[in-house]
Protein backbone atom coordinates (compact mmCIF):
# COMPACT_ATOMS: atom_id res chain seq x y z
CA MET A 1 74.51 -1.00 52.73
CA THR A 2 71.37 -2.77 53.99
CA ALA A 3 69.76 0.58 54.85
CA VAL A 4 70.57 1.94 51.38
CA LEU A 5 68.96 -1.05 49.70
CA ALA A 6 65.89 -0.96 51.98
CA ILE A 7 65.26 2.76 51.41
CA ALA A 8 65.96 2.45 47.67
CA ALA A 9 63.55 -0.49 47.42
CA ALA A 10 60.85 1.52 49.24
CA ILE A 11 61.34 4.39 46.76
CA VAL A 12 61.09 2.00 43.79
CA VAL A 13 57.88 0.45 45.16
CA LEU A 14 56.27 3.84 45.93
CA ASP A 15 57.33 5.16 42.51
CA GLN A 16 55.96 2.18 40.62
CA ILE A 17 52.65 2.21 42.54
CA THR A 18 52.09 5.92 41.83
CA LYS A 19 52.98 5.43 38.16
CA TYR A 20 50.58 2.48 37.93
CA LEU A 21 47.82 4.65 39.39
CA ALA A 22 48.66 7.49 36.99
CA LEU A 23 48.54 5.14 34.00
CA GLU A 24 45.23 3.66 35.17
CA HIS A 25 43.43 6.90 36.06
CA LEU A 26 44.88 9.74 33.97
CA ALA A 27 44.40 10.40 30.27
CA PRO A 28 47.60 11.53 28.48
CA GLY A 29 47.88 15.30 28.44
CA VAL A 30 44.57 15.92 30.25
CA PRO A 31 45.20 17.73 33.55
CA ILE A 32 43.34 17.07 36.78
CA HIS A 33 43.69 20.26 38.81
CA LEU A 34 44.53 19.72 42.47
CA VAL A 35 45.46 23.30 43.41
CA ASP A 36 44.04 25.71 40.86
CA GLY A 37 46.79 27.61 39.06
CA LEU A 38 49.57 25.70 40.82
CA LEU A 39 49.39 21.90 40.81
CA SER A 40 47.84 19.34 38.48
CA LEU A 41 48.16 15.67 37.69
CA THR A 42 48.90 15.33 33.97
CA LEU A 43 50.10 12.08 32.41
CA VAL A 44 53.15 12.56 30.19
CA MET A 45 55.42 9.89 28.72
CA ASN A 46 58.96 11.30 28.76
CA PRO A 47 61.34 9.52 26.35
CA GLY A 48 64.24 11.80 27.35
CA LEU A 49 66.36 12.33 30.41
CA ALA A 50 65.43 14.46 33.41
CA PHE A 51 63.10 17.34 32.56
CA GLY A 52 62.75 16.10 28.98
CA LEU A 53 66.40 16.57 27.97
CA LEU A 54 67.13 14.61 24.78
CA GLY A 55 63.41 13.91 24.47
CA GLY A 56 63.48 14.83 20.79
CA LEU A 57 65.89 12.06 19.85
CA PRO A 58 64.65 9.77 17.09
CA GLU A 59 63.20 6.53 18.44
CA ALA A 60 66.12 4.51 17.06
CA TRP A 61 68.49 6.48 19.33
CA ARG A 62 66.47 6.14 22.55
CA TRP A 63 68.66 3.23 23.62
CA MET A 64 71.28 5.90 24.25
CA VAL A 65 69.13 7.39 27.02
CA ALA A 66 69.00 3.97 28.71
CA VAL A 67 72.79 3.62 28.36
CA LEU A 68 73.27 7.07 29.92
CA SER A 69 70.95 6.06 32.79
CA ILE A 70 72.94 2.88 33.44
CA ALA A 71 76.20 4.87 33.28
CA ALA A 72 74.77 7.25 35.88
CA LEU A 73 74.01 4.27 38.16
CA VAL A 74 77.60 3.05 37.79
CA VAL A 75 78.93 6.51 38.70
CA LEU A 76 76.53 6.61 41.65
CA ALA A 77 77.81 3.22 42.84
CA ARG A 78 81.38 4.57 42.78
CA VAL A 79 80.34 7.69 44.69
CA ALA A 80 78.44 5.51 47.17
CA ILE A 81 81.51 3.39 47.88
CA ARG A 82 83.54 6.52 48.62
CA VAL A 83 80.89 8.39 50.59
CA LEU A 84 79.31 5.55 52.56
CA SER A 85 82.61 4.29 53.92
CA GLN A 86 82.95 7.44 56.01
CA GLY A 87 79.44 8.85 55.99
CA GLY A 88 76.46 8.95 58.27
CA TRP A 89 72.69 8.71 57.90
CA VAL A 90 72.44 11.75 55.61
CA ASP A 91 74.79 10.04 53.17
CA VAL A 92 72.89 6.77 53.39
CA GLY A 93 69.59 8.56 52.77
CA ALA A 94 70.96 10.63 49.89
CA ILE A 95 72.51 7.65 48.08
CA ALA A 96 69.38 5.55 48.67
CA LEU A 97 67.06 8.25 47.31
CA ILE A 98 69.17 8.74 44.19
CA PHE A 99 69.61 5.02 43.58
CA GLY A 100 65.93 4.21 44.17
CA GLY A 101 64.79 7.02 41.89
CA ALA A 102 67.20 6.03 39.14
CA VAL A 103 66.07 2.39 39.29
CA GLY A 104 62.40 3.43 39.27
CA ASN A 105 62.88 5.45 36.09
CA LEU A 106 65.03 2.74 34.50
CA ILE A 107 62.19 0.24 35.04
CA ASP A 108 59.92 2.58 33.04
CA ARG A 109 62.46 2.83 30.22
CA ALA A 110 62.66 -0.95 30.03
CA ARG A 111 58.86 -1.38 30.13
CA PHE A 112 57.65 1.57 28.05
CA GLY A 113 60.65 3.11 26.32
CA ALA A 114 59.85 6.29 28.26
CA VAL A 115 59.41 7.48 31.85
CA VAL A 116 55.91 7.98 33.26
CA ASP A 117 55.62 11.56 34.57
CA PHE A 118 52.44 12.97 36.08
CA ILE A 119 53.11 15.74 38.62
CA ASP A 120 52.62 19.10 36.93
CA VAL A 121 53.66 22.21 38.86
CA HIS A 122 52.75 25.46 37.12
CA TRP A 123 52.08 29.13 37.54
CA ARG A 124 49.64 30.53 35.00
CA ALA A 125 51.08 29.60 31.58
CA TRP A 126 54.52 28.61 32.93
CA HIS A 127 54.95 24.88 33.58
CA TRP A 128 57.83 23.13 35.30
CA PRO A 129 58.52 19.91 33.34
CA ALA A 130 56.27 17.11 34.61
CA PHE A 131 57.94 14.74 37.06
CA ASN A 132 57.28 11.73 39.30
CA VAL A 133 58.20 10.23 42.68
CA ALA A 134 61.50 8.88 41.32
CA ASP A 135 62.50 12.31 40.00
CA SER A 136 61.63 13.85 43.37
CA ALA A 137 63.73 11.26 45.21
CA ILE A 138 66.68 11.88 42.88
CA SER A 139 66.41 15.66 43.31
CA VAL A 140 66.21 15.52 47.12
CA GLY A 141 69.05 12.97 47.24
CA VAL A 142 71.31 15.09 45.03
CA VAL A 143 70.68 18.19 47.14
CA LEU A 144 71.38 16.28 50.38
CA LEU A 145 74.56 14.78 48.95
CA ALA A 146 75.76 18.11 47.52
CA VAL A 147 75.18 19.95 50.81
CA ARG A 148 76.94 17.18 52.70
CA LEU A 149 79.93 17.03 50.33
CA LEU A 150 80.26 20.82 50.05
CA GLY A 151 80.13 21.13 53.83
CA SER A 152 82.83 18.57 54.57
CA PRO A 153 86.55 19.35 54.45
CA ALA A 154 88.64 17.96 51.60
CA PRO A 155 90.60 14.80 52.46
CA GLY A 156 93.90 15.66 54.14
CA THR A 157 92.72 19.08 55.27
CA PRO A 158 93.69 19.69 58.91
CA ARG A 159 90.78 20.39 61.23
CA ARG A 160 90.58 23.82 62.85
CA ALA A 161 90.71 23.97 66.63
CA SER A 162 87.51 25.14 68.29
């Protein structure tokens, strides 16, 4: 559990530092092109869930997004208890990335009522929803955990002889 907390804390710190820099140096909605036609830094305040889901909720209902985020952390804690008891470093890393990313975005919700997003990946007029370090950590952690869980046998399944 110490490794999970250490990695998660590192993600939170990195996430908050990059968001601080984005808030200090980027104007909302004004892109700074890093790779022409592919990657920009564009400050966006996202009041919704991942990729802007529920972003159109009236301001009075935004507390619901925070409640959903906390519920997701509770579910993650339950998954962590199950997975970490029998898992290895991939499991530790996956849980830590997801937990650290979720906490990083929850800090934004508490401070600003929205999540600070600034990484803008695009191709011509098509834009992936803006994201941040926390979102990246969550995405990588979910993929690692899914691959790990899909690749392991169900409990009680006899192992095949080699």
